[in-house]
C-alpha atoms as a PDB file:
ATOM      1  CA  MET A   1      61.181 -56.302 167.823  1.00  0.00           C
ATOM      2  CA  LYS A   2      58.142 -57.840 167.273  1.00  0.00           C
ATOM      3  CA  LYS A   3      58.727 -61.180 165.347  1.00  0.00           C
ATOM      4  CA  PRO A   4      56.753 -61.104 162.368  1.00  0.00           C
ATOM      5  CA  ASN A   5      54.346 -64.196 162.128  1.00  0.00           C
ATOM      6  CA  SER A   6      53.830 -67.141 159.902  1.00  0.00           C
ATOM      7  CA  LYS A   7      51.401 -65.316 157.643  1.00  0.00           C
ATOM      8  CA  GLU A   8      52.952 -61.889 157.451  1.00  0.00           C
ATOM      9  CA  ARG A   9      56.231 -63.459 156.355  1.00  0.00           C
ATOM     10  CA  HIS A  10      54.028 -65.410 154.100  1.00  0.00           C
ATOM     11  CA  PHE A  11      52.878 -61.781 153.339  1.00  0.00           C
ATOM     12  CA  LYS A  12      55.617 -60.501 152.332  1.00  0.00           C
ATOM     13  CA  LYS A  13      57.744 -63.468 150.259  1.00  0.00           C
ATOM     14  CA  SER A  14      54.318 -63.287 148.275  1.00  0.00           C
ATOM     15  CA  VAL A  15      54.614 -60.298 147.022  1.00  0.00           C
ATOM     16  CA  LEU A  16      58.515 -60.010 146.713  1.00  0.00           C
ATOM     17  CA  ALA A  17      58.355 -63.037 144.621  1.00  0.00           C
ATOM     18  CA  ALA A  18      55.534 -61.048 142.321  1.00  0.00           C
ATOM     19  CA  ALA A  19      57.353 -57.998 142.107  1.00  0.00           C
ATOM     20  CA  MET A  20      60.251 -60.193 140.259  1.00  0.00           C
ATOM     21  CA  ILE A  21      58.296 -61.601 138.182  1.00  0.00           C
ATOM     22  CA  ILE A  22      56.294 -58.889 137.381  1.00  0.00           C
ATOM     23  CA  GLY A  23      59.851 -56.723 136.985  1.00  0.00           C
ATOM     24  CA  ALA A  24      61.665 -59.966 134.859  1.00  0.00           C
ATOM     25  CA  ASN A  25      59.037 -59.870 132.591  1.00  0.00           C
ATOM     26  CA  ILE A  26      59.319 -56.400 131.595  1.00  0.00           C
ATOM     27  CA  ILE A  27      62.282 -56.083 130.748  1.00  0.00           C
ATOM     28  CA  ALA A  28      63.449 -59.455 129.542  1.00  0.00           C
ATOM     29  CA  PHE A  29      60.088 -59.608 126.984  1.00  0.00           C
ATOM     30  CA  GLN A  30      58.195 -56.732 126.817  1.00  0.00           C
ATOM     31  CA  GLY A  31      60.587 -54.469 125.405  1.00  0.00           C
ATOM     32  CA  PHE A  32      63.368 -52.864 126.601  1.00  0.00           C
ATOM     33  CA  THR A  33      62.456 -49.562 125.182  1.00  0.00           C
ATOM     34  CA  GLN A  34      58.389 -49.901 126.667  1.00  0.00           C
ATOM     35  CA  ALA A  35      59.703 -50.969 129.954  1.00  0.00           C
ATOM     36  CA  ALA A  36      62.111 -47.728 130.265  1.00  0.00           C
ATOM     37  CA  SER A  37      59.186 -45.213 128.948  1.00  0.00           C
ATOM     38  CA  ALA A  38      57.025 -47.144 131.919  1.00  0.00           C
ATOM     39  CA  ALA A  39      60.152 -45.842 134.356  1.00  0.00           C
ATOM     40  CA  VAL A  40      60.214 -42.335 132.784  1.00  0.00           C
ATOM     41  CA  TYR A  41      56.716 -41.741 132.682  1.00  0.00           C
ATOM     42  CA  ASN A  42      56.233 -42.494 136.424  1.00  0.00           C
ATOM     43  CA  LYS A  43      59.506 -41.026 137.478  1.00  0.00           C
ATOM     44  CA  THR A  44      59.913 -38.587 140.404  1.00  0.00           C
ATOM     45  CA  ASN A  45      62.865 -36.793 142.118  1.00  0.00           C
ATOM     46  CA  ILE A  46      65.854 -37.143 140.690  1.00  0.00           C
ATOM     47  CA  ILE A  47      69.316 -38.583 142.376  1.00  0.00           C
ATOM     48  CA  PRO A  48      72.240 -36.792 141.570  1.00  0.00           C
ATOM     49  CA  THR A  49      75.320 -39.276 140.772  1.00  0.00           C
ATOM     50  CA  SER A  50      78.833 -38.949 141.653  1.00  0.00           C
ATOM     51  CA  TYR A  51      81.281 -40.891 138.601  1.00  0.00           C
ATOM     52  CA  ALA A  52      84.904 -39.774 140.357  1.00  0.00           C
ATOM     53  CA  ASN A  53      85.376 -43.155 142.164  1.00  0.00           C
ATOM     54  CA  SER A  54      83.371 -45.188 139.381  1.00  0.00           C
ATOM     55  CA  THR A  55      84.509 -48.401 138.047  1.00  0.00           C
ATOM     56  CA  SER A  56      83.185 -50.981 135.736  1.00  0.00           C
ATOM     57  CA  VAL A  57      84.307 -54.115 134.760  1.00  0.00           C
ATOM     58  CA  SER A  58      82.567 -54.931 132.119  1.00  0.00           C
ATOM     59  CA  SER A  59      82.657 -51.892 130.401  1.00  0.00           C
ATOM     60  CA  GLN A  60      86.583 -51.253 130.976  1.00  0.00           C
ATOM     61  CA  THR A  61      86.821 -54.478 129.459  1.00  0.00           C
ATOM     62  CA  VAL A  62      85.058 -53.341 126.326  1.00  0.00           C
ATOM     63  CA  GLN A  63      86.632 -50.580 125.846  1.00  0.00           C
ATOM     64  CA  ASN A  64      90.727 -51.966 126.254  1.00  0.00           C
ATOM     65  CA  SER A  65      90.207 -54.460 124.348  1.00  0.00           C
ATOM     66  CA  LEU A  66      87.697 -56.119 121.704  1.00  0.00           C
ATOM     67  CA  PRO A  67      85.993 -59.533 122.631  1.00  0.00           C
ATOM     68  CA  GLU A  68      87.401 -62.563 121.359  1.00  0.00           C
ATOM     69  CA  GLY A  69      86.437 -63.150 117.717  1.00  0.00           C
ATOM     70  CA  TYR A  70      84.265 -59.929 117.320  1.00  0.00           C
ATOM     71  CA  LYS A  71      84.497 -58.196 114.309  1.00  0.00           C
ATOM     72  CA  LYS A  72      82.296 -54.706 114.127  1.00  0.00           C
ATOM     73  CA  ALA A  73      79.831 -55.094 111.533  1.00  0.00           C
ATOM     74  CA  ASN A  74      78.645 -52.412 109.199  1.00  0.00           C
ATOM     75  CA  TYR A  75      75.591 -51.492 111.455  1.00  0.00           C
ATOM     76  CA  LYS A  76      73.564 -47.720 111.023  1.00  0.00           C
ATOM     77  CA  VAL A  77      72.281 -45.974 114.390  1.00  0.00           C
ATOM     78  CA  GLY A  78      69.462 -44.688 113.947  1.00  0.00           C
ATOM     79  CA  THR A  79      67.172 -42.809 117.085  1.00  0.00           C
ATOM     80  CA  ILE A  80      64.120 -44.935 118.989  1.00  0.00           C
ATOM     81  CA  ASN A  81      61.224 -43.057 117.632  1.00  0.00           C
ATOM     82  CA  LEU A  82      59.366 -42.530 121.214  1.00  0.00           C
ATOM     83  CA  PRO A  83      58.505 -38.638 121.913  1.00  0.00           C
ATOM     84  CA  TYR A  84      60.627 -39.015 125.244  1.00  0.00           C
ATOM     85  CA  TYR A  85      63.418 -39.504 123.560  1.00  0.00           C
ATOM     86  CA  LYS A  86      63.615 -36.441 121.435  1.00  0.00           C
ATOM     87  CA  ASN A  87      63.259 -34.272 124.502  1.00  0.00           C
ATOM     88  CA  GLN A  88      66.430 -35.909 126.514  1.00  0.00           C
ATOM     89  CA  THR A  89      69.712 -34.220 125.409  1.00  0.00           C
ATOM     90  CA  PRO A  90      72.744 -36.216 126.498  1.00  0.00           C
ATOM     91  CA  ALA A  91      75.380 -33.558 128.903  1.00  0.00           C
ATOM     92  CA  GLU A  92      78.741 -33.557 127.953  1.00  0.00           C
ATOM     93  CA  LYS A  93      79.952 -36.526 129.811  1.00  0.00           C
ATOM     94  CA  ASP A  94      77.636 -39.069 128.043  1.00  0.00           C
ATOM     95  CA  MET A  95      79.455 -40.756 125.459  1.00  0.00           C
ATOM     96  CA  THR A  96      78.171 -39.925 122.203  1.00  0.00           C
ATOM     97  CA  LYS A  97      74.903 -42.205 120.635  1.00  0.00           C
ATOM     98  CA  GLU A  98      77.641 -44.064 118.088  1.00  0.00           C
ATOM     99  CA  ALA A  99      79.704 -44.924 120.853  1.00  0.00           C
ATOM    100  CA  ALA A 100      77.003 -45.967 122.655  1.00  0.00           C
ATOM    101  CA  ALA A 101      75.829 -48.207 119.960  1.00  0.00           C
ATOM    102  CA  GLU A 102      79.302 -49.956 119.102  1.00  0.00           C
ATOM    103  CA  LEU A 103      79.551 -51.310 122.694  1.00  0.00           C
ATOM    104  CA  VAL A 104      75.764 -52.279 122.605  1.00  0.00           C
ATOM    105  CA  ALA A 105      76.925 -54.408 119.902  1.00  0.00           C
ATOM    106  CA  GLN A 106      79.985 -55.626 121.346  1.00  0.00           C
ATOM    107  CA  TYR A 107      78.245 -56.835 124.103  1.00  0.00           C
ATOM    108  CA  LEU A 108      76.311 -58.367 121.899  1.00  0.00           C
ATOM    109  CA  TRP A 109      78.625 -60.064 120.460  1.00  0.00           C
ATOM    110  CA  GLN A 110      79.688 -61.275 124.259  1.00  0.00           C
ATOM    111  CA  VAL A 111      76.610 -63.022 125.048  1.00  0.00           C
ATOM    112  CA  TYR A 112      74.342 -64.027 121.981  1.00  0.00           C
ATOM    113  CA  GLY A 113      76.822 -63.665 119.423  1.00  0.00           C
ATOM    114  CA  ALA A 114      74.822 -61.206 117.550  1.00  0.00           C
ATOM    115  CA  ASP A 115      75.579 -60.252 113.972  1.00  0.00           C
ATOM    116  CA  LEU A 116      74.341 -57.461 113.469  1.00  0.00           C
ATOM    117  CA  GLU A 117      75.599 -56.870 109.363  1.00  0.00           C
ATOM    118  CA  GLY A 118      72.929 -55.189 107.794  1.00  0.00           C
ATOM    119  CA  GLN A 119      70.748 -54.014 111.376  1.00  0.00           C
ATOM    120  CA  THR A 120      69.834 -50.853 112.848  1.00  0.00           C
ATOM    121  CA  ILE A 121      70.388 -49.890 116.400  1.00  0.00           C
ATOM    122  CA  GLU A 122      67.897 -47.484 117.660  1.00  0.00           C
ATOM    123  CA  MET A 123      68.839 -45.477 120.504  1.00  0.00           C
ATOM    124  CA  GLY A 124      67.601 -43.573 122.956  1.00  0.00           C
ATOM    125  CA  TYR A 125      68.916 -41.598 125.842  1.00  0.00           C
ATOM    126  CA  ASP A 126      67.718 -41.579 129.574  1.00  0.00           C
ATOM    127  CA  ALA A 127      68.115 -39.515 131.578  1.00  0.00           C
ATOM    128  CA  PRO A 128      68.826 -40.026 135.657  1.00  0.00           C
ATOM    129  CA  THR A 129      65.099 -41.253 137.509  1.00  0.00           C
ATOM    130  CA  GLU A 130      64.380 -42.243 140.851  1.00  0.00           C
ATOM    131  CA  ASN A 131      64.508 -45.478 140.246  1.00  0.00           C
ATOM    132  CA  THR A 132      67.902 -46.019 137.848  1.00  0.00           C
ATOM    133  CA  PRO A 133      70.075 -42.933 139.059  1.00  0.00           C
ATOM    134  CA  ARG A 134      72.374 -43.368 136.513  1.00  0.00           C
ATOM    135  CA  PRO A 135      71.650 -41.759 132.937  1.00  0.00           C
ATOM    136  CA  MET A 136      71.658 -44.836 130.066  1.00  0.00           C
ATOM    137  CA  TRP A 137      71.358 -44.889 126.370  1.00  0.00           C
ATOM    138  CA  ILE A 138      68.469 -47.544 125.517  1.00  0.00           C
ATOM    139  CA  ALA A 139      69.326 -49.691 122.973  1.00  0.00           C
ATOM    140  CA  GLU A 140      66.417 -51.470 120.477  1.00  0.00           C
ATOM    141  CA  VAL A 141      67.289 -53.775 117.398  1.00  0.00           C
ATOM    142  CA  GLU A 142      63.879 -55.195 115.697  1.00  0.00           C
ATOM    143  CA  LEU A 143      65.217 -58.100 113.423  1.00  0.00           C
ATOM    144  CA  LYS A 144      63.471 -58.727 110.371  1.00  0.00           C
ATOM    145  CA  GLY A 145      63.175 -61.906 107.725  1.00  0.00           C
ATOM    146  CA  GLN A 146      65.446 -64.030 109.868  1.00  0.00           C
ATOM    147  CA  SER A 147      64.743 -67.777 109.764  1.00  0.00           C
ATOM    148  CA  TYR A 148      64.462 -70.213 111.982  1.00  0.00           C
ATOM    149  CA  ALA A 149      67.631 -71.750 113.511  1.00  0.00           C
ATOM    150  CA  ASP A 150      67.668 -74.211 116.613  1.00  0.00           C
ATOM    151  CA  GLY A 151      63.778 -73.969 116.886  1.00  0.00           C
ATOM    152  CA  TYR A 152      63.238 -70.836 117.319  1.00  0.00           C
ATOM    153  CA  ARG A 153      64.251 -67.491 115.472  1.00  0.00           C
ATOM    154  CA  VAL A 154      65.310 -63.922 117.008  1.00  0.00           C
ATOM    155  CA  ASP A 155      62.939 -60.753 116.800  1.00  0.00           C
ATOM    156  CA  ARG A 156      64.637 -58.091 119.067  1.00  0.00           C
ATOM    157  CA  TYR A 157      67.721 -57.312 121.400  1.00  0.00           C
ATOM    158  CA  GLY A 158      67.467 -54.984 123.589  1.00  0.00           C
ATOM    159  CA  VAL A 159      70.764 -53.108 125.451  1.00  0.00           C
ATOM    160  CA  TRP A 160      70.902 -50.918 128.219  1.00  0.00           C
ATOM    161  CA  VAL A 161      73.840 -49.473 129.282  1.00  0.00           C
ATOM    162  CA  ASP A 162      75.364 -46.392 131.664  1.00  0.00           C
ATOM    163  CA  SER A 163      76.079 -43.542 129.222  1.00  0.00           C
ATOM    164  CA  VAL A 164      79.313 -42.307 130.943  1.00  0.00           C
ATOM    165  CA  THR A 165      81.081 -45.492 131.993  1.00  0.00           C
ATOM    166  CA  GLY A 166      79.387 -47.915 129.884  1.00  0.00           C
ATOM    167  CA  GLU A 167      78.687 -50.177 132.210  1.00  0.00           C
ATOM    168  CA  LEU A 168      76.095 -52.421 130.889  1.00  0.00           C
ATOM    169  CA  TYR A 169      72.801 -52.368 132.682  1.00  0.00           C
ATOM    170  CA  ASN A 170      70.632 -54.915 130.817  1.00  0.00           C
ATOM    171  CA  ILE A 171      70.963 -57.211 128.026  1.00  0.00           C
ATOM    172  CA  GLY A 172      67.750 -59.501 126.540  1.00  0.00           C
ATOM    173  CA  LEU A 173      66.103 -60.724 123.582  1.00  0.00           C
ATOM    174  CA  ASN A 174      62.871 -61.543 122.061  1.00  0.00           C
ATOM    175  CA  ARG A 175      62.506 -64.961 120.103  1.00  0.00           C
ATOM    176  CA  THR A 176      59.595 -66.968 118.264  1.00  0.00           C
ATOM    177  CA  LEU A 177      59.551 -70.624 118.328  1.00  0.00           C
ATOM    178  CA  LYS A 178      58.914 -72.943 115.926  1.00  0.00           C
ATOM    179  CA  GLU A 179      57.345 -75.454 118.277  1.00  0.00           C
ATOM    180  CA  LYS A 180      53.678 -74.151 119.820  1.00  0.00           C
ATOM    181  CA  VAL A 181      54.515 -74.250 122.959  1.00  0.00           C
ATOM    182  CA  PRO A 182      52.284 -73.663 125.688  1.00  0.00           C
ATOM    183  CA  VAL A 183      53.278 -70.817 128.560  1.00  0.00           C
ATOM    184  CA  GLY A 184      50.986 -72.413 131.530  1.00  0.00           C
ATOM    185  CA  PRO A 185      52.658 -72.995 135.095  1.00  0.00           C
ATOM    186  CA  ASP A 186      54.773 -76.305 134.990  1.00  0.00           C
ATOM    187  CA  TRP A 187      53.767 -77.394 138.762  1.00  0.00           C
ATOM    188  CA  SER A 188      55.919 -80.458 137.891  1.00  0.00           C
ATOM    189  CA  LEU A 189      58.644 -78.504 137.084  1.00  0.00           C
ATOM    190  CA  ASN A 190      62.082 -79.550 138.980  1.00  0.00           C
ATOM    191  CA  GLU A 191      63.820 -76.228 140.143  1.00  0.00           C
ATOM    192  CA  SER A 192      67.089 -77.969 140.784  1.00  0.00           C
ATOM    193  CA  GLU A 193      67.470 -78.981 137.083  1.00  0.00           C
ATOM    194  CA  TYR A 194      66.744 -75.002 135.825  1.00  0.00           C
ATOM    195  CA  GLU A 195      68.570 -73.660 138.549  1.00  0.00           C
ATOM    196  CA  ALA A 196      71.934 -76.023 137.954  1.00  0.00           C
ATOM    197  CA  ALA A 197      71.455 -74.849 134.172  1.00  0.00           C
ATOM    198  CA  ALA A 198      71.100 -70.723 134.984  1.00  0.00           C
ATOM    199  CA  LYS A 199      74.065 -71.429 137.257  1.00  0.00           C
ATOM    200  CA  LYS A 200      76.610 -72.829 134.483  1.00  0.00           C
ATOM    201  CA  LEU A 201      75.038 -69.434 132.221  1.00  0.00           C
ATOM    202  CA  ALA A 202      75.607 -67.457 134.992  1.00  0.00           C
ATOM    203  CA  GLU A 203      79.010 -68.502 135.946  1.00  0.00           C
ATOM    204  CA  LYS A 204      79.694 -68.293 132.084  1.00  0.00           C
ATOM    205  CA  TYR A 205      79.105 -64.847 131.184  1.00  0.00           C
ATOM    206  CA  ASN A 206      79.995 -63.424 134.614  1.00  0.00           C
ATOM    207  CA  ILE A 207      76.828 -61.760 135.386  1.00  0.00           C
ATOM    208  CA  VAL A 208      77.929 -61.044 139.493  1.00  0.00           C
ATOM    209  CA  ASN A 209      81.536 -60.165 138.229  1.00  0.00           C
ATOM    210  CA  SER A 210      82.562 -62.803 141.198  1.00  0.00           C
ATOM    211  CA  THR A 211      81.775 -66.621 141.853  1.00  0.00           C
ATOM    212  CA  VAL A 212      78.705 -67.076 142.221  1.00  0.00           C
ATOM    213  CA  GLN A 213      77.527 -67.490 145.755  1.00  0.00           C
ATOM    214  CA  SER A 214      73.849 -68.539 145.520  1.00  0.00           C
ATOM    215  CA  ILE A 215      70.798 -68.579 143.205  1.00  0.00           C
ATOM    216  CA  GLN A 216      67.230 -68.268 144.572  1.00  0.00           C
ATOM    217  CA  PHE A 217      64.125 -69.030 142.406  1.00  0.00           C
ATOM    218  CA  THR A 218      61.871 -65.926 142.221  1.00  0.00           C
ATOM    219  CA  GLY A 219      59.404 -68.003 139.655  1.00  0.00           C
ATOM    220  CA  GLN A 220      57.759 -68.775 136.292  1.00  0.00           C
ATOM    221  CA  GLY A 221      56.635 -66.669 133.728  1.00  0.00           C
ATOM    222  CA  ALA A 222      55.931 -66.627 129.917  1.00  0.00           C
ATOM    223  CA  SER A 223      57.656 -64.239 126.512  1.00  0.00           C
ATOM    224  CA  PHE A 224      55.238 -63.367 123.875  1.00  0.00           C
ATOM    225  CA  SER A 225      57.099 -62.268 120.348  1.00  0.00           C
ATOM    226  CA  THR A 226      54.256 -60.024 119.875  1.00  0.00           C
ATOM    227  CA  ASN A 227      53.826 -58.475 123.260  1.00  0.00           C
ATOM    228  CA  ILE A 228      49.873 -60.547 123.287  1.00  0.00           C
ATOM    229  CA  SER A 229      48.765 -63.063 125.705  1.00  0.00           C
ATOM    230  CA  SER A 230      48.790 -65.770 124.215  1.00  0.00           C
ATOM    231  CA  THR A 231      48.399 -69.904 124.902  1.00  0.00           C
ATOM    232  CA  TYR A 232      51.389 -70.628 123.310  1.00  0.00           C
ATOM    233  CA  GLY A 233      54.753 -68.216 123.279  1.00  0.00           C
ATOM    234  CA  ASP A 234      58.352 -69.561 125.278  1.00  0.00           C
ATOM    235  CA  PRO A 235      57.843 -70.280 129.125  1.00  0.00           C
ATOM    236  CA  THR A 236      60.133 -68.628 131.501  1.00  0.00           C
ATOM    237  CA  ILE A 237      61.517 -69.533 134.572  1.00  0.00           C
ATOM    238  CA  SER A 238      63.857 -66.333 136.754  1.00  0.00           C
ATOM    239  CA  PHE A 239      66.764 -66.794 139.240  1.00  0.00           C
ATOM    240  CA  GLN A 240      67.940 -64.265 141.776  1.00  0.00           C
ATOM    241  CA  VAL A 241      71.684 -63.837 141.271  1.00  0.00           C
ATOM    242  CA  HIS A 242      73.956 -63.686 144.454  1.00  0.00           C
ATOM    243  CA  GLY A 243      77.824 -63.129 143.996  1.00  0.00           C
ATOM    244  CA  GLU A 244      80.648 -63.652 146.761  1.00  0.00           C
ATOM    245  CA  ASN A 245      81.335 -59.769 146.395  1.00  0.00           C
ATOM    246  CA  GLY A 246      77.939 -58.826 146.825  1.00  0.00           C
ATOM    247  CA  GLU A 247      76.167 -58.580 143.364  1.00  0.00           C
ATOM    248  CA  VAL A 248      72.718 -59.699 142.661  1.00  0.00           C
ATOM    249  CA  ALA A 249      71.773 -59.747 139.264  1.00  0.00           C
ATOM    250  CA  LEU A 250      68.184 -61.211 138.082  1.00  0.00           C
ATOM    251  CA  MET A 251      68.412 -63.755 134.929  1.00  0.00           C
ATOM    252  CA  THR A 252      65.563 -65.248 133.265  1.00  0.00           C
ATOM    253  CA  ILE A 253      65.746 -68.593 130.973  1.00  0.00           C
ATOM    254  CA  SER A 254      63.717 -70.512 128.623  1.00  0.00           C
ATOM    255  CA  ARG A 255      61.694 -73.558 130.289  1.00  0.00           C
ATOM    256  CA  TYR A 256      61.499 -74.805 126.391  1.00  0.00           C
ATOM    257  CA  ASP A 257      65.301 -75.383 126.400  1.00  0.00           C
ATOM    258  CA  LYS A 258      67.397 -73.420 128.280  1.00  0.00           C
ATOM    259  CA  VAL A 259      68.294 -70.228 126.831  1.00  0.00           C
ATOM    260  CA  LEU A 260      69.236 -67.317 128.145  1.00  0.00           C
ATOM    261  CA  LEU A 261      66.503 -65.029 127.524  1.00  0.00           C
ATOM    262  CA  GLY A 262      67.487 -61.805 129.601  1.00  0.00           C
ATOM    263  CA  VAL A 263      69.894 -60.272 132.475  1.00  0.00           C
ATOM    264  CA  MET A 264      68.861 -57.659 135.132  1.00  0.00           C
ATOM    265  CA  TYR A 265      72.764 -56.625 136.443  1.00  0.00           C
ATOM    266  CA  ASN A 266      73.584 -55.120 139.813  1.00  0.00           C
ATOM    267  CA  GLY A 267      74.172 -51.465 138.597  1.00  0.00           C
ATOM    268  CA  GLN A 268      70.209 -51.877 138.226  1.00  0.00           C
ATOM    269  CA  TYR A 269      68.653 -54.572 140.155  1.00  0.00           C
ATOM    270  CA  LYS A 270      70.085 -53.036 143.564  1.00  0.00           C
ATOM    271  CA  TYR A 271      67.610 -49.782 142.545  1.00  0.00           C
ATOM    272  CA  ASP A 272      64.492 -52.307 141.400  1.00  0.00           C
ATOM    273  CA  LEU A 273      64.748 -54.533 145.176  1.00  0.00           C
ATOM    274  CA  LEU A 274      64.988 -51.002 146.886  1.00  0.00           C
ATOM    275  CA  LYS A 275      61.747 -50.127 145.449  1.00  0.00           C
ATOM    276  CA  ILE A 276      60.631 -53.052 145.455  1.00  0.00           C
ATOM    277  CA  GLU A 277      61.117 -53.759 149.381  1.00  0.00           C
ATOM    278  CA  GLU A 278      59.992 -49.789 149.417  1.00  0.00           C
ATOM    279  CA  LEU A 279      56.445 -51.240 147.358  1.00  0.00           C
ATOM    280  CA  VAL A 280      56.285 -54.583 150.338  1.00  0.00           C
ATOM    281  CA  GLN A 281      56.312 -51.874 153.073  1.00  0.00           C
ATOM    282  CA  GLU A 282      53.492 -49.785 151.773  1.00  0.00           C
ATOM    283  CA  MET A 283      51.472 -52.886 151.086  1.00  0.00           C
ATOM    284  CA  GLU A 284      51.674 -53.995 154.768  1.00  0.00           C
ATOM    285  CA  ALA A 285      51.296 -50.692 156.000  1.00  0.00           C
ATOM    286  CA  LYS A 286      47.906 -50.339 154.269  1.00  0.00           C
ATOM    287  CA  ALA A 287      47.032 -53.946 155.113  1.00  0.00           C
ATOM    288  CA  LYS A 288      47.316 -53.143 158.606  1.00  0.00           C
ATOM    289  CA  ALA A 289      45.494 -50.050 158.466  1.00  0.00           C
ATOM    290  CA  ASP A 290      42.538 -51.336 156.656  1.00  0.00           C
ATOM    291  CA  GLU A 291      42.693 -54.421 159.335  1.00  0.00           C
ATOM    292  CA  ALA A 292      42.765 -51.680 162.505  1.00  0.00           C
ATOM    293  CA  THR A 293      39.712 -50.023 160.573  1.00  0.00           C
ATOM    294  CA  SER A 294      37.504 -53.447 160.566  1.00  0.00           C
ATOM    295  CA  THR A 295      38.073 -54.516 164.065  1.00  0.00           C
ATOM    296  CA  ASP A 296      37.216 -50.642 165.239  1.00  0.00           C
ATOM    297  CA  LYS A 297      34.259 -51.115 163.295  1.00  0.00           C
ATOM    298  CA  SER A 298      33.237 -54.666 164.494  1.00  0.00           C
ATOM    299  CA  LYS A 299      33.975 -52.978 168.399  1.00  0.00           C
ATOM    300  CA  ALA A 300      31.337 -50.197 167.706  1.00  0.00           C
ATOM    301  CA  PRO A 301      28.089 -50.512 169.646  1.00  0.00           C
ATOM    302  CA  THR A 302      24.932 -51.529 168.216  1.00  0.00           C
ATOM    303  CA  LEU A 303      21.609 -49.868 168.981  1.00  0.00           C
ATOM    304  CA  MET A 304      18.898 -51.584 169.929  1.00  0.00           C
ATOM    305  CA  GLY A 305      15.352 -51.349 169.093  1.00  0.00           C
ATOM    306  CA  ASN A 306      11.944 -52.602 171.210  1.00  0.00           C
END
């Protein structure tokens, strides 16, 4: 087998990093519903999934005992107002919209200490796709009239859960900083400082359901509360977290104050990594084909005239 040269290794690493940065920004900052819709409209084959031996540490914890300090808030359960979700119908094995919303509320309490009193949890059912071969409930909580606390206000929460097991796939928030903070890349940034903060958060919230084995920096990004690019916003940094049990997750924190902004858990991220690898292979194949075509043209004979 041919050993890749330094140029090929650099190419692959660059593409992989770029893809993960894009994924992190979509999940944590550009709206969970928008990301889900994009995946749905581009889906191809449906992959059947068996739940016969399914076990979920996260869902069992929530279903068997309430999170410490949690009290059910007086929230409403609504429906995400997108055409796609209107055409999706949960199967018999799926939990109800109301049961899924309560899991969402508990997850938001566990991770963010969110009080959903008087809020509306909008839900949308998402059937299995090639990117996510298990059905999900997508939840969004849009907060209005929030005041600033600790230098920011939360505008929206987003959560994805497995509609059968209740396993947490994604969780995150959009926020607005009170201070105008530039979001451009920080080339002098001390990655180890943020890596330590990310590891501490990963361990606190047990995001890989085991001891953290390693953390890998994937890139810097930015979050904008209005989903419109600007000079100012919430500068971000993302890390791939590996657990000793083989699980892998993608987490994003703020470069401004190291607040946890979003996590894509193993149940979803493993499929994204497979897709990223496929993308890398396709791009490498295309690059080689283009190079071969260019070489053939340069070798083509040229007719000389007098």
